[in-house]
Amino acid sequence: MARPELRHPANAEGAWYVDERCIDCGTCRDLAPATFAEIAPHSVVSHQPVDPRAEQGAWLAAQACPTQSIGTLDRRSHPGRLYPWQLLDGIHDLGYTSPDSFGASSYLVAGVAGGLLVDSPRFAPALVRAVEALGGISHVLLTHRDDVADAQRWAEHFRAQVWVHAADRSAAPFATDMVEGLEADEVIPGVVVVPVPGHTRGSVVWVVGPVAFTGDSLAWNHERQDLTAFKGACWHSWPSSWPRSSGWRRRPDPAGSCPVTALAASSIPTSCTTDCWPSSPGSAPQPPEANDRPANPLMSPQLLIDSRSLLNSNR
């Protein structure tokens, strides 16, 4: 619960506020960019919600906040549990982010291989019951070492297998199954893992049908309106990350909208979707500039989703 006595002085005048326990993960800004803004090292309410859509965005941010730092001074009526929040058929954003993963998003894919949990939210009883109602989980798919959070508790509760790349295993010693090497592999029927060393040595992308979960290997650059990866956040190797991903570039949407095609299940801020397609056969990859993207190296997935942008556009 947010603490009014710790209300940040830079919050806009009004009921909604962010308290000073905020860790500036950016989750609220991606869920409700019209309401929240950054005043480093915190996020604050820049504009009070003025309509039901903006109010819902603020509640989504409040329920996703890893430090539970978002609230209202007037203690207004809570809308109830909003997560899991359905993004596409069978795919849900779980909210309830953890400070242990710096507010990273996590996802439930229902109806595939007994249910898939991609990265981990907080182990919150209300969320556990909701996931049970959607069929539970049989596999926990970790994209990299930073977003483990409460994965062990989720796995133990559901008796699920846990997958992680061997290079990041030290962050999840409880994992039951290892991804090895650098080659893409269908490790579960309908689920392909693509190693993408760069952000961490054991970073991977999980591809489920037409949907890819990229972890922290991709993000959306608000200023450039394009996919990006961050050189400063490549803890393992920036040079090794871009050659495997240079075959993707942005395709402008002729209708001027942002079709749902790019996912980052990521604690690196994301806010929009973009349509990507393979570069021309035989074209030589060019090294990206600092903070330029490498987009992802997948085997032509047709659909990649960015959950936070879907929330922004669909609520």
C-alpha atoms as a PDB file:
ATOM      1  CA  MET A   1       0.000   0.000   0.000  1.00  0.00           C
ATOM      2  CA  ALA A   2       1.264   3.469  -0.889  1.00  0.00           C
ATOM      3  CA  ARG A   3       2.265   5.675   2.032  1.00  0.00           C
ATOM      4  CA  PRO A   4       0.891   9.227   1.874  1.00  0.00           C
ATOM      5  CA  GLU A   5       3.435  10.500   4.381  1.00  0.00           C
ATOM      6  CA  LEU A   6       6.109   9.616   1.802  1.00  0.00           C
ATOM      7  CA  ARG A   7       4.316  11.318  -1.104  1.00  0.00           C
ATOM      8  CA  HIS A   8       6.890  12.724  -3.523  1.00  0.00           C
ATOM      9  CA  PRO A   9       6.672  16.544  -3.600  1.00  0.00           C
ATOM     10  CA  ALA A  10       6.861  16.606  -7.389  1.00  0.00           C
ATOM     11  CA  ASN A  11       3.529  14.794  -7.818  1.00  0.00           C
ATOM     12  CA  ALA A  12       0.876  16.834  -9.605  1.00  0.00           C
ATOM     13  CA  GLU A  13      -1.723  18.316  -7.287  1.00  0.00           C
ATOM     14  CA  GLY A  14      -4.587  15.908  -6.753  1.00  0.00           C
ATOM     15  CA  ALA A  15      -5.487  12.514  -5.322  1.00  0.00           C
ATOM     16  CA  TRP A  16      -3.085  10.215  -7.173  1.00  0.00           C
ATOM     17  CA  TYR A  17       0.531  10.102  -6.054  1.00  0.00           C
ATOM     18  CA  VAL A  18       3.741   8.065  -6.048  1.00  0.00           C
ATOM     19  CA  ASP A  19       5.631   7.732  -2.783  1.00  0.00           C
ATOM     20  CA  GLU A  20       9.386   8.011  -2.346  1.00  0.00           C
ATOM     21  CA  ARG A  21       9.940   4.252  -2.065  1.00  0.00           C
ATOM     22  CA  CYS A  22       9.691   4.168  -5.871  1.00  0.00           C
ATOM     23  CA  ILE A  23      12.731   2.531  -7.508  1.00  0.00           C
ATOM     24  CA  ASP A  24      12.158   4.208 -10.896  1.00  0.00           C
ATOM     25  CA  CYS A  25      11.668   0.931 -12.784  1.00  0.00           C
ATOM     26  CA  GLY A  26       9.427   2.677 -15.316  1.00  0.00           C
ATOM     27  CA  THR A  27       6.526   0.223 -15.144  1.00  0.00           C
ATOM     28  CA  CYS A  28       3.962   2.909 -14.329  1.00  0.00           C
ATOM     29  CA  ARG A  29       5.209   5.165 -17.112  1.00  0.00           C
ATOM     30  CA  ASP A  30       4.772   2.398 -19.646  1.00  0.00           C
ATOM     31  CA  LEU A  31       1.322   1.396 -18.437  1.00  0.00           C
ATOM     32  CA  ALA A  32      -0.006   4.953 -18.133  1.00  0.00           C
ATOM     33  CA  PRO A  33       2.355   7.383 -19.875  1.00  0.00           C
ATOM     34  CA  ALA A  34      -0.178  10.207 -19.786  1.00  0.00           C
ATOM     35  CA  THR A  35      -0.308  10.022 -15.983  1.00  0.00           C
ATOM     36  CA  PHE A  36       3.235   9.207 -14.861  1.00  0.00           C
ATOM     37  CA  ALA A  37       6.609  10.744 -15.667  1.00  0.00           C
ATOM     38  CA  GLU A  38      10.173  10.391 -14.483  1.00  0.00           C
ATOM     39  CA  ILE A  39      11.919  12.764 -12.126  1.00  0.00           C
ATOM     40  CA  ALA A  40      14.997  10.631 -11.509  1.00  0.00           C
ATOM     41  CA  PRO A  41      15.484   8.674  -9.381  1.00  0.00           C
ATOM     42  CA  HIS A  42      11.705   8.350  -9.061  1.00  0.00           C
ATOM     43  CA  SER A  43       8.509   8.302 -11.070  1.00  0.00           C
ATOM     44  CA  VAL A  44       5.766  10.754 -10.149  1.00  0.00           C
ATOM     45  CA  VAL A  45       2.221  11.631 -11.198  1.00  0.00           C
ATOM     46  CA  SER A  46       2.681  14.287 -13.848  1.00  0.00           C
ATOM     47  CA  HIS A  47      -1.028  14.653 -14.690  1.00  0.00           C
ATOM     48  CA  GLN A  48      -3.987  13.491 -12.636  1.00  0.00           C
ATOM     49  CA  PRO A  49      -6.264  10.992 -14.441  1.00  0.00           C
ATOM     50  CA  VAL A  50      -9.206  12.871 -15.923  1.00  0.00           C
ATOM     51  CA  ASP A  51     -11.350  10.110 -17.442  1.00  0.00           C
ATOM     52  CA  PRO A  52     -12.193   6.431 -16.839  1.00  0.00           C
ATOM     53  CA  ARG A  53      -9.551   5.190 -19.255  1.00  0.00           C
ATOM     54  CA  ALA A  54      -6.792   7.167 -17.560  1.00  0.00           C
ATOM     55  CA  GLU A  55      -8.089   6.105 -14.145  1.00  0.00           C
ATOM     56  CA  GLN A  56      -7.932   2.441 -15.182  1.00  0.00           C
ATOM     57  CA  GLY A  57      -4.373   2.947 -16.398  1.00  0.00           C
ATOM     58  CA  ALA A  58      -3.423   4.366 -13.013  1.00  0.00           C
ATOM     59  CA  TRP A  59      -4.964   1.359 -11.247  1.00  0.00           C
ATOM     60  CA  LEU A  60      -3.117  -1.035 -13.563  1.00  0.00           C
ATOM     61  CA  ALA A  61       0.108   0.760 -12.675  1.00  0.00           C
ATOM     62  CA  ALA A  62      -0.714   0.650  -8.971  1.00  0.00           C
ATOM     63  CA  GLN A  63      -1.305  -3.110  -9.050  1.00  0.00           C
ATOM     64  CA  ALA A  64       1.844  -3.718 -11.105  1.00  0.00           C
ATOM     65  CA  CYS A  65       4.149  -1.460  -9.039  1.00  0.00           C
ATOM     66  CA  PRO A  66       6.938  -3.554  -7.453  1.00  0.00           C
ATOM     67  CA  THR A  67       7.145  -1.349  -4.351  1.00  0.00           C
ATOM     68  CA  GLN A  68       3.395  -0.662  -4.078  1.00  0.00           C
ATOM     69  CA  SER A  69       4.215   3.034  -4.146  1.00  0.00           C
ATOM     70  CA  ILE A  70       1.175   4.267  -6.124  1.00  0.00           C
ATOM     71  CA  GLY A  71      -2.040   5.253  -4.405  1.00  0.00           C
ATOM     72  CA  THR A  72      -4.665   7.923  -3.796  1.00  0.00           C
ATOM     73  CA  LEU A  73      -4.897  10.404  -0.951  1.00  0.00           C
ATOM     74  CA  ASP A  74      -8.662  10.014  -0.779  1.00  0.00           C
ATOM     75  CA  ARG A  75      -8.441   6.204  -0.466  1.00  0.00           C
ATOM     76  CA  ARG A  76     -10.946   5.852  -3.293  1.00  0.00           C
ATOM     77  CA  SER A  77     -12.670   2.565  -3.973  1.00  0.00           C
ATOM     78  CA  HIS A  78     -10.377  -0.058  -5.461  1.00  0.00           C
ATOM     79  CA  PRO A  79     -11.589  -1.611  -8.758  1.00  0.00           C
ATOM     80  CA  GLY A  80     -10.637  -5.122  -7.655  1.00  0.00           C
ATOM     81  CA  ARG A  81      -7.960  -7.395  -9.070  1.00  0.00           C
ATOM     82  CA  LEU A  82      -7.079  -6.362 -12.635  1.00  0.00           C
ATOM     83  CA  TYR A  83      -4.419  -8.980 -13.325  1.00  0.00           C
ATOM     84  CA  PRO A  84      -4.038 -11.314 -15.135  1.00  0.00           C
ATOM     85  CA  TRP A  85      -4.720  -8.801 -17.890  1.00  0.00           C
ATOM     86  CA  GLN A  86      -5.472 -10.487 -21.216  1.00  0.00           C
ATOM     87  CA  LEU A  87      -3.416  -9.166 -24.107  1.00  0.00           C
ATOM     88  CA  LEU A  88      -4.243 -11.729 -26.775  1.00  0.00           C
ATOM     89  CA  ASP A  89      -6.132 -14.985 -26.792  1.00  0.00           C
ATOM     90  CA  GLY A  90      -4.480 -17.101 -24.095  1.00  0.00           C
ATOM     91  CA  ILE A  91      -1.748 -14.538 -23.300  1.00  0.00           C
ATOM     92  CA  HIS A  92      -1.891 -12.499 -20.108  1.00  0.00           C
ATOM     93  CA  ASP A  93       0.263  -9.851 -18.470  1.00  0.00           C
ATOM     94  CA  LEU A  94       0.513 -10.849 -14.807  1.00  0.00           C
ATOM     95  CA  GLY A  95       1.333  -7.462 -13.283  1.00  0.00           C
ATOM     96  CA  TYR A  96       2.427  -7.799  -9.634  1.00  0.00           C
ATOM     97  CA  THR A  97       6.022  -7.061 -10.584  1.00  0.00           C
ATOM     98  CA  SER A  98       8.836  -7.755  -8.154  1.00  0.00           C
ATOM     99  CA  PRO A  99      11.526  -5.402  -6.877  1.00  0.00           C
ATOM    100  CA  ASP A 100      13.885  -8.376  -7.164  1.00  0.00           C
ATOM    101  CA  SER A 101      13.583  -8.117 -10.960  1.00  0.00           C
ATOM    102  CA  PHE A 102      13.355  -4.305 -11.003  1.00  0.00           C
ATOM    103  CA  GLY A 103       9.743  -4.307 -12.075  1.00  0.00           C
ATOM    104  CA  ALA A 104      10.112  -6.780 -14.949  1.00  0.00           C
ATOM    105  CA  SER A 105       6.945  -7.889 -16.701  1.00  0.00           C
ATOM    106  CA  SER A 106       5.942 -11.553 -16.658  1.00  0.00           C
ATOM    107  CA  TYR A 107       3.413 -13.448 -18.707  1.00  0.00           C
ATOM    108  CA  LEU A 108       1.075 -16.409 -18.597  1.00  0.00           C
ATOM    109  CA  VAL A 109       0.481 -18.393 -21.781  1.00  0.00           C
ATOM    110  CA  ALA A 110      -2.595 -20.506 -21.053  1.00  0.00           C
ATOM    111  CA  GLY A 111      -3.511 -23.622 -22.968  1.00  0.00           C
ATOM    112  CA  VAL A 112      -0.017 -24.404 -24.287  1.00  0.00           C
ATOM    113  CA  ALA A 113       1.945 -27.352 -22.841  1.00  0.00           C
ATOM    114  CA  GLY A 114      -0.056 -27.228 -19.629  1.00  0.00           C
ATOM    115  CA  GLY A 115       0.455 -23.502 -19.146  1.00  0.00           C
ATOM    116  CA  LEU A 116       3.632 -21.397 -19.432  1.00  0.00           C
ATOM    117  CA  LEU A 117       4.930 -18.750 -17.039  1.00  0.00           C
ATOM    118  CA  VAL A 118       7.449 -16.480 -18.759  1.00  0.00           C
ATOM    119  CA  ASP A 119       9.653 -14.889 -16.084  1.00  0.00           C
ATOM    120  CA  SER A 120       8.175 -14.341 -12.656  1.00  0.00           C
ATOM    121  CA  PRO A 121       5.889 -11.906 -10.875  1.00  0.00           C
ATOM    122  CA  ARG A 122       5.565 -11.666  -7.117  1.00  0.00           C
ATOM    123  CA  PHE A 123       4.055 -14.780  -5.545  1.00  0.00           C
ATOM    124  CA  ALA A 124       0.830 -13.076  -4.494  1.00  0.00           C
ATOM    125  CA  PRO A 125      -2.035 -15.307  -3.273  1.00  0.00           C
ATOM    126  CA  ALA A 126      -4.677 -13.440  -5.293  1.00  0.00           C
ATOM    127  CA  LEU A 127      -2.613 -13.835  -8.452  1.00  0.00           C
ATOM    128  CA  VAL A 128      -1.907 -17.502  -7.709  1.00  0.00           C
ATOM    129  CA  ARG A 129      -5.634 -18.202  -7.464  1.00  0.00           C
ATOM    130  CA  ALA A 130      -6.259 -16.379 -10.732  1.00  0.00           C
ATOM    131  CA  VAL A 131      -3.562 -18.399 -12.495  1.00  0.00           C
ATOM    132  CA  GLU A 132      -5.072 -21.596 -11.081  1.00  0.00           C
ATOM    133  CA  ALA A 133      -8.424 -20.575 -12.526  1.00  0.00           C
ATOM    134  CA  LEU A 134      -6.771 -20.199 -15.949  1.00  0.00           C
ATOM    135  CA  GLY A 135      -5.411 -23.745 -15.819  1.00  0.00           C
ATOM    136  CA  GLY A 136      -2.178 -23.327 -13.873  1.00  0.00           C
ATOM    137  CA  ILE A 137       1.346 -23.733 -15.200  1.00  0.00           C
ATOM    138  CA  SER A 138       3.529 -26.692 -16.110  1.00  0.00           C
ATOM    139  CA  HIS A 139       6.640 -24.799 -17.223  1.00  0.00           C
ATOM    140  CA  VAL A 140       8.449 -21.684 -16.017  1.00  0.00           C
ATOM    141  CA  LEU A 141      10.469 -20.136 -18.852  1.00  0.00           C
ATOM    142  CA  LEU A 142      13.183 -17.748 -17.675  1.00  0.00           C
ATOM    143  CA  THR A 143      14.530 -15.286 -20.232  1.00  0.00           C
ATOM    144  CA  HIS A 144      17.659 -14.486 -18.200  1.00  0.00           C
ATOM    145  CA  ARG A 145      19.127 -14.257 -14.729  1.00  0.00           C
ATOM    146  CA  ASP A 146      17.747 -10.800 -13.819  1.00  0.00           C
ATOM    147  CA  ASP A 147      14.054 -11.739 -13.953  1.00  0.00           C
ATOM    148  CA  VAL A 148      13.943 -14.833 -11.735  1.00  0.00           C
ATOM    149  CA  ALA A 149      12.135 -13.107  -8.833  1.00  0.00           C
ATOM    150  CA  ASP A 150       9.729 -15.634  -7.189  1.00  0.00           C
ATOM    151  CA  ALA A 151      10.051 -18.290  -9.893  1.00  0.00           C
ATOM    152  CA  GLN A 152      10.955 -20.978  -7.387  1.00  0.00           C
ATOM    153  CA  ARG A 153       7.805 -20.415  -5.346  1.00  0.00           C
ATOM    154  CA  TRP A 154       5.641 -20.505  -8.471  1.00  0.00           C
ATOM    155  CA  ALA A 155       7.327 -23.677  -9.662  1.00  0.00           C
ATOM    156  CA  GLU A 156       6.992 -25.420  -6.312  1.00  0.00           C
ATOM    157  CA  HIS A 157       3.332 -24.459  -5.966  1.00  0.00           C
ATOM    158  CA  PHE A 158       2.422 -25.768  -9.415  1.00  0.00           C
ATOM    159  CA  ARG A 159       5.067 -28.535  -9.509  1.00  0.00           C
ATOM    160  CA  ALA A 160       6.313 -26.995 -12.723  1.00  0.00           C
ATOM    161  CA  GLN A 161       9.525 -27.555 -14.647  1.00  0.00           C
ATOM    162  CA  VAL A 162      11.857 -24.550 -14.733  1.00  0.00           C
ATOM    163  CA  TRP A 163      13.912 -23.696 -17.817  1.00  0.00           C
ATOM    164  CA  VAL A 164      16.966 -21.420 -17.889  1.00  0.00           C
ATOM    165  CA  HIS A 165      20.085 -21.171 -20.008  1.00  0.00           C
ATOM    166  CA  ALA A 166      23.023 -22.956 -18.417  1.00  0.00           C
ATOM    167  CA  ALA A 167      25.071 -19.743 -18.530  1.00  0.00           C
ATOM    168  CA  ASP A 168      22.569 -18.078 -16.159  1.00  0.00           C
ATOM    169  CA  ARG A 169      21.873 -21.123 -13.999  1.00  0.00           C
ATOM    170  CA  SER A 170      23.570 -19.673 -10.921  1.00  0.00           C
ATOM    171  CA  ALA A 171      20.630 -17.259 -10.594  1.00  0.00           C
ATOM    172  CA  ALA A 172      18.153 -20.165 -10.615  1.00  0.00           C
ATOM    173  CA  PRO A 173      19.869 -23.192  -9.029  1.00  0.00           C
ATOM    174  CA  PHE A 174      16.429 -24.763  -8.560  1.00  0.00           C
ATOM    175  CA  ALA A 175      15.939 -25.019 -12.351  1.00  0.00           C
ATOM    176  CA  THR A 176      15.067 -28.493 -13.577  1.00  0.00           C
ATOM    177  CA  ASP A 177      15.949 -28.085 -17.260  1.00  0.00           C
ATOM    178  CA  MET A 178      18.901 -26.401 -18.980  1.00  0.00           C
ATOM    179  CA  VAL A 179      19.166 -24.670 -22.329  1.00  0.00           C
ATOM    180  CA  GLU A 180      22.625 -25.291 -23.781  1.00  0.00           C
ATOM    181  CA  GLY A 181      24.693 -23.602 -26.463  1.00  0.00           C
ATOM    182  CA  LEU A 182      23.665 -21.006 -29.041  1.00  0.00           C
ATOM    183  CA  GLU A 183      21.329 -22.859 -31.384  1.00  0.00           C
ATOM    184  CA  ALA A 184      17.553 -22.480 -31.437  1.00  0.00           C
ATOM    185  CA  ASP A 185      15.754 -25.581 -30.210  1.00  0.00           C
ATOM    186  CA  GLU A 186      12.165 -26.728 -29.747  1.00  0.00           C
ATOM    187  CA  VAL A 187      12.504 -27.831 -26.133  1.00  0.00           C
ATOM    188  CA  ILE A 188       8.759 -28.286 -25.541  1.00  0.00           C
ATOM    189  CA  PRO A 189       6.232 -29.056 -28.306  1.00  0.00           C
ATOM    190  CA  GLY A 190       5.261 -25.667 -29.695  1.00  0.00           C
ATOM    191  CA  VAL A 191       7.908 -23.785 -27.684  1.00  0.00           C
ATOM    192  CA  VAL A 192      11.228 -22.744 -29.235  1.00  0.00           C
ATOM    193  CA  VAL A 193      14.115 -21.212 -27.306  1.00  0.00           C
ATOM    194  CA  VAL A 194      16.581 -18.906 -29.088  1.00  0.00           C
ATOM    195  CA  PRO A 195      19.786 -18.046 -27.183  1.00  0.00           C
ATOM    196  CA  VAL A 196      20.707 -14.353 -27.528  1.00  0.00           C
ATOM    197  CA  PRO A 197      23.837 -13.734 -25.409  1.00  0.00           C
ATOM    198  CA  GLY A 198      24.351 -10.021 -24.854  1.00  0.00           C
ATOM    199  CA  HIS A 199      22.321  -8.516 -22.030  1.00  0.00           C
ATOM    200  CA  THR A 200      23.494 -11.520 -20.032  1.00  0.00           C
ATOM    201  CA  ARG A 201      25.499 -14.506 -21.159  1.00  0.00           C
ATOM    202  CA  GLY A 202      22.432 -16.720 -20.753  1.00  0.00           C
ATOM    203  CA  SER A 203      19.775 -14.444 -22.251  1.00  0.00           C
ATOM    204  CA  VAL A 204      17.220 -16.225 -24.432  1.00  0.00           C
ATOM    205  CA  VAL A 205      14.070 -15.447 -26.391  1.00  0.00           C
ATOM    206  CA  TRP A 206      11.119 -17.824 -25.989  1.00  0.00           C
ATOM    207  CA  VAL A 207       8.961 -18.285 -29.093  1.00  0.00           C
ATOM    208  CA  VAL A 208       5.495 -19.750 -28.587  1.00  0.00           C
ATOM    209  CA  GLY A 209       3.713 -20.116 -31.890  1.00  0.00           C
ATOM    210  CA  PRO A 210       3.724 -16.654 -33.458  1.00  0.00           C
ATOM    211  CA  VAL A 211       4.598 -14.891 -30.196  1.00  0.00           C
ATOM    212  CA  ALA A 212       8.105 -14.145 -28.944  1.00  0.00           C
ATOM    213  CA  PHE A 213       9.090 -13.150 -25.416  1.00  0.00           C
ATOM    214  CA  THR A 214      12.363 -11.235 -25.544  1.00  0.00           C
ATOM    215  CA  GLY A 215      13.181 -10.537 -21.915  1.00  0.00           C
ATOM    216  CA  ASP A 216      15.556  -7.584 -21.612  1.00  0.00           C
ATOM    217  CA  SER A 217      17.146  -8.150 -25.010  1.00  0.00           C
ATOM    218  CA  LEU A 218      14.757  -5.696 -26.696  1.00  0.00           C
ATOM    219  CA  ALA A 219      12.949  -2.564 -25.620  1.00  0.00           C
ATOM    220  CA  TRP A 220      10.990   0.277 -27.155  1.00  0.00           C
ATOM    221  CA  ASN A 221      12.738   3.619 -27.460  1.00  0.00           C
ATOM    222  CA  HIS A 222      10.180   6.302 -26.641  1.00  0.00           C
ATOM    223  CA  GLU A 223      12.088   9.125 -28.307  1.00  0.00           C
ATOM    224  CA  ARG A 224      13.043   7.288 -31.501  1.00  0.00           C
ATOM    225  CA  GLN A 225       9.810   5.320 -31.767  1.00  0.00           C
ATOM    226  CA  ASP A 226      11.653   2.145 -32.666  1.00  0.00           C
ATOM    227  CA  LEU A 227      12.963  -1.081 -31.195  1.00  0.00           C
ATOM    228  CA  THR A 228      16.218  -0.751 -29.331  1.00  0.00           C
ATOM    229  CA  ALA A 229      18.738  -2.565 -27.193  1.00  0.00           C
ATOM    230  CA  PHE A 230      20.932  -0.769 -24.697  1.00  0.00           C
ATOM    231  CA  LYS A 231      24.693  -0.975 -25.020  1.00  0.00           C
ATOM    232  CA  GLY A 232      25.064   0.174 -21.434  1.00  0.00           C
ATOM    233  CA  ALA A 233      22.886  -2.718 -20.235  1.00  0.00           C
ATOM    234  CA  CYS A 234      24.695  -5.484 -22.114  1.00  0.00           C
ATOM    235  CA  TRP A 235      26.368  -6.995 -19.094  1.00  0.00           C
ATOM    236  CA  HIS A 236      27.853  -9.874 -21.108  1.00  0.00           C
ATOM    237  CA  SER A 237      28.784  -8.606 -24.563  1.00  0.00           C
ATOM    238  CA  TRP A 238      27.396  -5.949 -26.864  1.00  0.00           C
ATOM    239  CA  PRO A 239      29.416  -7.134 -29.896  1.00  0.00           C
ATOM    240  CA  SER A 240      28.136 -10.685 -29.514  1.00  0.00           C
ATOM    241  CA  SER A 241      24.521  -9.551 -29.331  1.00  0.00           C
ATOM    242  CA  TRP A 242      24.100  -7.634 -32.564  1.00  0.00           C
ATOM    243  CA  PRO A 243      25.394 -10.005 -35.282  1.00  0.00           C
ATOM    244  CA  ARG A 244      22.767 -12.612 -34.370  1.00  0.00           C
ATOM    245  CA  SER A 245      20.009 -10.029 -34.530  1.00  0.00           C
ATOM    246  CA  SER A 246      20.949  -7.817 -37.438  1.00  0.00           C
ATOM    247  CA  GLY A 247      18.478  -9.474 -39.792  1.00  0.00           C
ATOM    248  CA  TRP A 248      15.495  -7.548 -38.459  1.00  0.00           C
ATOM    249  CA  ARG A 249      14.466  -3.981 -39.040  1.00  0.00           C
ATOM    250  CA  ARG A 250      11.370  -1.922 -38.560  1.00  0.00           C
ATOM    251  CA  ARG A 251       8.593  -1.919 -41.127  1.00  0.00           C
ATOM    252  CA  PRO A 252       6.464   1.248 -41.033  1.00  0.00           C
ATOM    253  CA  ASP A 253       2.761   0.555 -40.891  1.00  0.00           C
ATOM    254  CA  PRO A 254       1.100   2.161 -43.921  1.00  0.00           C
ATOM    255  CA  ALA A 255      -2.057   2.815 -41.930  1.00  0.00           C
ATOM    256  CA  GLY A 256      -0.087   4.827 -39.422  1.00  0.00           C
ATOM    257  CA  SER A 257      -1.018   2.586 -36.508  1.00  0.00           C
ATOM    258  CA  CYS A 258       1.167   0.294 -34.398  1.00  0.00           C
ATOM    259  CA  PRO A 259       0.155  -3.283 -35.233  1.00  0.00           C
ATOM    260  CA  VAL A 260       0.875  -5.820 -32.539  1.00  0.00           C
ATOM    261  CA  THR A 261       4.108  -7.407 -33.645  1.00  0.00           C
ATOM    262  CA  ALA A 262       6.880  -6.934 -31.088  1.00  0.00           C
ATOM    263  CA  LEU A 263       7.100  -8.233 -27.517  1.00  0.00           C
ATOM    264  CA  ALA A 264       9.447  -7.398 -24.698  1.00  0.00           C
ATOM    265  CA  ALA A 265       8.701  -9.184 -21.446  1.00  0.00           C
ATOM    266  CA  SER A 266      11.135  -6.797 -19.996  1.00  0.00           C
ATOM    267  CA  SER A 267      12.165  -4.586 -17.150  1.00  0.00           C
ATOM    268  CA  ILE A 268      13.783  -2.309 -19.709  1.00  0.00           C
ATOM    269  CA  PRO A 269      11.011   0.238 -20.409  1.00  0.00           C
ATOM    270  CA  THR A 270       8.732  -0.525 -23.345  1.00  0.00           C
ATOM    271  CA  SER A 271       5.678   1.296 -24.525  1.00  0.00           C
ATOM    272  CA  CYS A 272       4.751   0.531 -28.107  1.00  0.00           C
ATOM    273  CA  THR A 273       4.712  -2.161 -30.750  1.00  0.00           C
ATOM    274  CA  THR A 274       6.429  -2.266 -34.077  1.00  0.00           C
ATOM    275  CA  ASP A 275       6.277  -4.437 -37.164  1.00  0.00           C
ATOM    276  CA  CYS A 276       9.570  -6.102 -38.116  1.00  0.00           C
ATOM    277  CA  TRP A 277      10.564  -8.262 -41.016  1.00  0.00           C
ATOM    278  CA  PRO A 278      13.792  -9.943 -42.173  1.00  0.00           C
ATOM    279  CA  SER A 279      16.222  -7.807 -44.130  1.00  0.00           C
ATOM    280  CA  SER A 280      16.811  -8.665 -47.761  1.00  0.00           C
ATOM    281  CA  PRO A 281      18.474 -12.056 -48.336  1.00  0.00           C
ATOM    282  CA  GLY A 282      22.217 -11.662 -48.688  1.00  0.00           C
ATOM    283  CA  SER A 283      22.286  -8.131 -47.311  1.00  0.00           C
ATOM    284  CA  ALA A 284      25.304  -7.489 -45.145  1.00  0.00           C
ATOM    285  CA  PRO A 285      24.553  -6.768 -41.489  1.00  0.00           C
ATOM    286  CA  GLN A 286      25.777  -3.430 -40.249  1.00  0.00           C
ATOM    287  CA  PRO A 287      26.970  -2.919 -36.660  1.00  0.00           C
ATOM    288  CA  PRO A 288      24.519  -0.782 -34.708  1.00  0.00           C
ATOM    289  CA  GLU A 289      25.477   2.536 -33.229  1.00  0.00           C
ATOM    290  CA  ALA A 290      25.560   2.872 -29.463  1.00  0.00           C
ATOM    291  CA  ASN A 291      22.067   2.365 -28.085  1.00  0.00           C
ATOM    292  CA  ASP A 292      20.801   1.353 -31.517  1.00  0.00           C
ATOM    293  CA  ARG A 293      18.807  -1.820 -31.640  1.00  0.00           C
ATOM    294  CA  PRO A 294      19.729  -5.137 -32.408  1.00  0.00           C
ATOM    295  CA  ALA A 295      16.257  -6.478 -32.958  1.00  0.00           C
ATOM    296  CA  ASN A 296      15.783 -10.144 -32.408  1.00  0.00           C
ATOM    297  CA  PRO A 297      17.265 -13.088 -34.322  1.00  0.00           C
ATOM    298  CA  LEU A 298      14.192 -15.284 -34.451  1.00  0.00           C
ATOM    299  CA  MET A 299      13.156 -17.670 -37.167  1.00  0.00           C
ATOM    300  CA  SER A 300      10.632 -15.318 -38.778  1.00  0.00           C
ATOM    301  CA  PRO A 301       8.072 -15.109 -35.980  1.00  0.00           C
ATOM    302  CA  GLN A 302       5.061 -13.263 -37.269  1.00  0.00           C
ATOM    303  CA  LEU A 303       3.966 -11.877 -33.940  1.00  0.00           C
ATOM    304  CA  LEU A 304       5.942 -10.330 -31.127  1.00  0.00           C
ATOM    305  CA  ILE A 305       4.056  -8.474 -28.454  1.00  0.00           C
ATOM    306  CA  ASP A 306       4.870  -5.623 -26.134  1.00  0.00           C
ATOM    307  CA  SER A 307       2.359  -6.012 -23.347  1.00  0.00           C
ATOM    308  CA  ARG A 308       2.565  -2.525 -22.005  1.00  0.00           C
ATOM    309  CA  SER A 309       1.735  -0.937 -25.339  1.00  0.00           C
ATOM    310  CA  LEU A 310      -1.222  -3.253 -25.676  1.00  0.00           C
ATOM    311  CA  LEU A 311      -2.461  -2.055 -22.328  1.00  0.00           C
ATOM    312  CA  ASN A 312      -2.025   1.532 -23.452  1.00  0.00           C
ATOM    313  CA  SER A 313      -3.898   0.986 -26.712  1.00  0.00           C
ATOM    314  CA  ASN A 314      -6.575  -1.481 -25.624  1.00  0.00           C
ATOM    315  CA  ARG A 315      -7.867  -0.405 -22.260  1.00  0.00           C
END
